[in-house]
Amino acid sequence: MEISKLYNSFVRQKSHDMKNDKTKWVLGHKVTPYDTLGDYDLMMAETPPQVQGPPPHFHNNFKESFLIIEGEMEFFINGEVKNVRAGESVDIPPKTLHTFGNKSNSTCKWVNIHSPKGFRGFFDKTGIPAQNENAQQESIAPKIIKKVFELAADFDMIIKV
């Protein structure tokens, strides 16, 4: 099945979830987490054009995967830059320094998985509810950036600046 059809099918199946209060803006990215029965956290995200990602970081215990659904995202992984386009994915093993950002002029839509479960709380604690006015801008305000740095290690996000 073509990736855009798969995405549209997924969105239709999950559309009731996307209308709830789970969607938040996190560091400039629109993030919607999903409940899972497995030992992993699953979310979908949209990154507007020219939005940088989180500070460079690694996870001691989490494995992380990204699947680009639409657009493209630039990843920095252990010192190397990799441009990942729609239909492509990237896996980040534990202890791998990484960050990402949308350097294109189009929105990037993507799926993110952290395994085992436990990272979703970071989005819950640092995100700004999507229904708030100016939520995207608020998600990158200095007080939120400070909160990210204060809470990151609680969620196995070891920031290296």
Protein backbone atom coordinates (compact mmCIF):
# COMPACT_ATOMS: atom_id res chain seq x y z
CA MET A 1 0.00 0.00 0.00
CA GLU A 2 1.28 3.44 -0.89
CA ILE A 3 2.53 5.36 2.17
CA SER A 4 0.06 8.27 1.74
CA LYS A 5 -2.87 5.82 1.54
CA LEU A 6 -1.59 4.04 4.64
CA TYR A 7 -1.35 7.38 6.45
CA ASN A 8 -4.86 8.44 5.37
CA SER A 9 -6.25 5.09 6.50
CA PHE A 10 -4.49 5.47 9.86
CA VAL A 11 -5.81 9.01 10.26
CA ARG A 12 -9.39 7.91 9.48
CA GLN A 13 -9.15 5.03 11.97
CA LYS A 14 -7.74 7.28 14.66
CA SER A 15 -9.64 10.48 13.85
CA HIS A 16 -11.64 10.27 17.07
CA ASP A 17 -8.35 10.31 19.03
CA MET A 18 -7.07 13.36 17.18
CA LYS A 19 -10.04 15.41 18.36
CA ASN A 20 -9.26 14.89 22.03
CA ASP A 21 -7.10 16.90 24.38
CA LYS A 22 -3.97 14.79 23.89
CA THR A 23 -2.53 16.86 21.03
CA LYS A 24 0.12 19.31 22.20
CA TRP A 25 2.77 21.56 20.78
CA VAL A 26 6.18 20.41 21.99
CA LEU A 27 9.21 22.53 21.10
CA GLY A 28 7.48 23.79 17.95
CA HIS A 29 6.17 20.36 16.84
CA LYS A 30 2.50 19.33 16.95
CA VAL A 31 2.42 15.97 18.75
CA THR A 32 -0.49 13.54 19.17
CA PRO A 33 0.22 10.50 21.39
CA TYR A 34 -1.73 7.26 21.07
CA ASP A 35 -2.50 4.64 23.69
CA THR A 36 -0.88 1.28 22.97
CA LEU A 37 -1.09 -2.18 24.49
CA GLY A 38 2.55 -2.91 23.64
CA ASP A 39 5.68 -1.86 25.50
CA TYR A 40 6.21 1.26 23.39
CA ASP A 41 4.99 4.85 23.08
CA LEU A 42 3.47 5.85 19.75
CA MET A 43 2.79 9.33 18.45
CA MET A 44 2.14 11.20 15.25
CA ALA A 45 3.57 14.64 14.68
CA GLU A 46 3.61 17.56 12.30
CA THR A 47 6.59 19.85 12.04
CA PRO A 48 6.04 23.17 10.27
CA PRO A 49 8.64 24.41 7.77
CA GLN A 50 11.94 25.69 9.15
CA VAL A 51 11.38 24.37 12.70
CA GLN A 52 14.38 22.98 14.52
CA GLY A 53 14.12 19.96 16.76
CA PRO A 54 14.99 19.30 20.36
CA PRO A 55 18.49 19.95 21.67
CA PRO A 56 20.98 17.21 20.78
CA HIS A 57 20.39 14.33 23.19
CA PHE A 58 20.54 10.59 23.69
CA HIS A 59 18.56 8.04 25.63
CA ASN A 60 20.32 5.45 27.79
CA ASN A 61 17.47 2.95 27.55
CA PHE A 62 15.03 4.01 24.83
CA LYS A 63 15.16 2.83 21.24
CA GLU A 64 13.54 5.39 18.99
CA SER A 65 12.14 5.12 15.46
CA PHE A 66 10.88 7.76 13.05
CA LEU A 67 8.78 7.15 9.93
CA ILE A 68 8.35 10.13 7.63
CA ILE A 69 4.83 10.17 6.17
CA GLU A 70 4.93 13.44 4.25
CA GLY A 71 7.71 15.89 3.50
CA GLU A 72 11.22 15.45 4.84
CA MET A 73 13.21 15.83 8.04
CA GLU A 74 16.91 16.40 8.55
CA PHE A 75 18.45 14.21 11.26
CA PHE A 76 21.76 14.64 13.05
CA ILE A 77 22.83 11.19 14.28
CA ASN A 78 26.19 10.68 16.00
CA GLY A 79 27.77 13.55 14.07
CA GLU A 80 26.31 12.68 10.66
CA VAL A 81 23.52 14.50 8.83
CA LYS A 82 20.85 12.40 7.12
CA ASN A 83 17.90 13.74 5.13
CA VAL A 84 14.91 11.39 5.53
CA ARG A 85 12.03 11.70 3.06
CA ALA A 86 8.42 10.46 2.92
CA GLY A 87 8.32 6.66 3.01
CA GLU A 88 11.71 6.40 4.72
CA SER A 89 12.48 5.66 8.35
CA VAL A 90 15.36 5.93 10.76
CA ASP A 91 16.09 3.91 13.90
CA ILE A 92 17.99 5.43 16.82
CA PRO A 93 19.56 2.88 19.19
CA PRO A 94 20.13 3.73 22.88
CA LYS A 95 23.12 5.97 23.63
CA THR A 96 23.00 7.55 20.14
CA LEU A 97 23.35 11.34 20.08
CA HIS A 98 20.64 12.79 17.85
CA THR A 99 18.35 15.64 16.97
CA PHE A 100 16.24 16.59 13.98
CA GLY A 101 14.58 19.53 12.28
CA ASN A 102 12.50 20.47 9.29
CA LYS A 103 14.74 22.61 7.11
CA SER A 104 12.36 22.45 4.15
CA ASN A 105 9.63 24.86 3.09
CA SER A 106 6.85 22.27 3.61
CA THR A 107 5.27 20.69 6.67
CA CYS A 108 6.68 17.30 7.63
CA LYS A 109 4.31 14.64 9.01
CA TRP A 110 5.86 11.75 10.88
CA VAL A 111 5.34 8.85 13.27
CA ASN A 112 7.59 8.38 16.30
CA ILE A 113 8.01 5.33 18.53
CA HIS A 114 9.93 5.04 21.81
CA SER A 115 10.52 1.59 23.24
CA PRO A 116 10.06 0.60 26.00
CA LYS A 117 7.18 2.79 27.23
CA GLY A 118 7.98 5.82 29.33
CA PHE A 119 8.86 8.78 27.12
CA ARG A 120 5.29 9.91 26.48
CA GLY A 121 5.26 11.67 29.85
CA PHE A 122 7.83 14.12 28.49
CA PHE A 123 5.30 15.32 25.91
CA ASP A 124 2.58 15.48 28.57
CA LYS A 125 4.75 17.54 30.96
CA THR A 126 6.37 19.94 28.48
CA GLY A 127 3.70 20.29 25.78
CA ILE A 128 1.21 23.12 25.34
CA PRO A 129 -2.38 22.02 24.58
CA ALA A 130 -3.01 22.46 20.84
CA GLN A 131 -6.29 24.27 21.43
CA ASN A 132 -4.50 27.12 23.27
CA GLU A 133 -4.14 30.30 21.29
CA ASN A 134 -0.52 30.70 20.10
CA ALA A 135 0.34 27.20 21.39
CA GLN A 136 3.17 26.68 18.89
CA GLN A 137 4.88 29.94 19.85
CA GLU A 138 4.33 29.26 23.55
CA SER A 139 5.96 25.82 23.15
CA ILE A 140 9.29 27.49 22.32
CA ALA A 141 9.11 30.27 24.92
CA PRO A 142 12.11 30.59 27.27
CA LYS A 143 10.15 29.28 30.29
CA ILE A 144 9.25 26.11 28.36
CA ILE A 145 12.81 25.62 27.12
CA LYS A 146 13.96 25.93 30.76
CA LYS A 147 11.34 23.33 31.77
CA VAL A 148 12.59 20.96 29.04
CA PHE A 149 16.15 21.19 30.37
CA GLU A 150 14.94 20.66 33.94
CA LEU A 151 12.74 17.62 33.18
CA ALA A 152 14.59 15.91 30.31
CA ALA A 153 16.69 13.56 32.45
CA ASP A 154 13.54 12.37 34.26
CA PHE A 155 12.51 10.87 30.91
CA ASP A 156 15.91 9.42 29.93
CA MET A 157 16.62 12.36 27.63
CA ILE A 158 20.25 13.28 28.23
CA ILE A 159 20.86 16.66 26.63
CA LYS A 160 24.32 17.42 25.22
CA VAL A 161 24.74 21.04 24.15
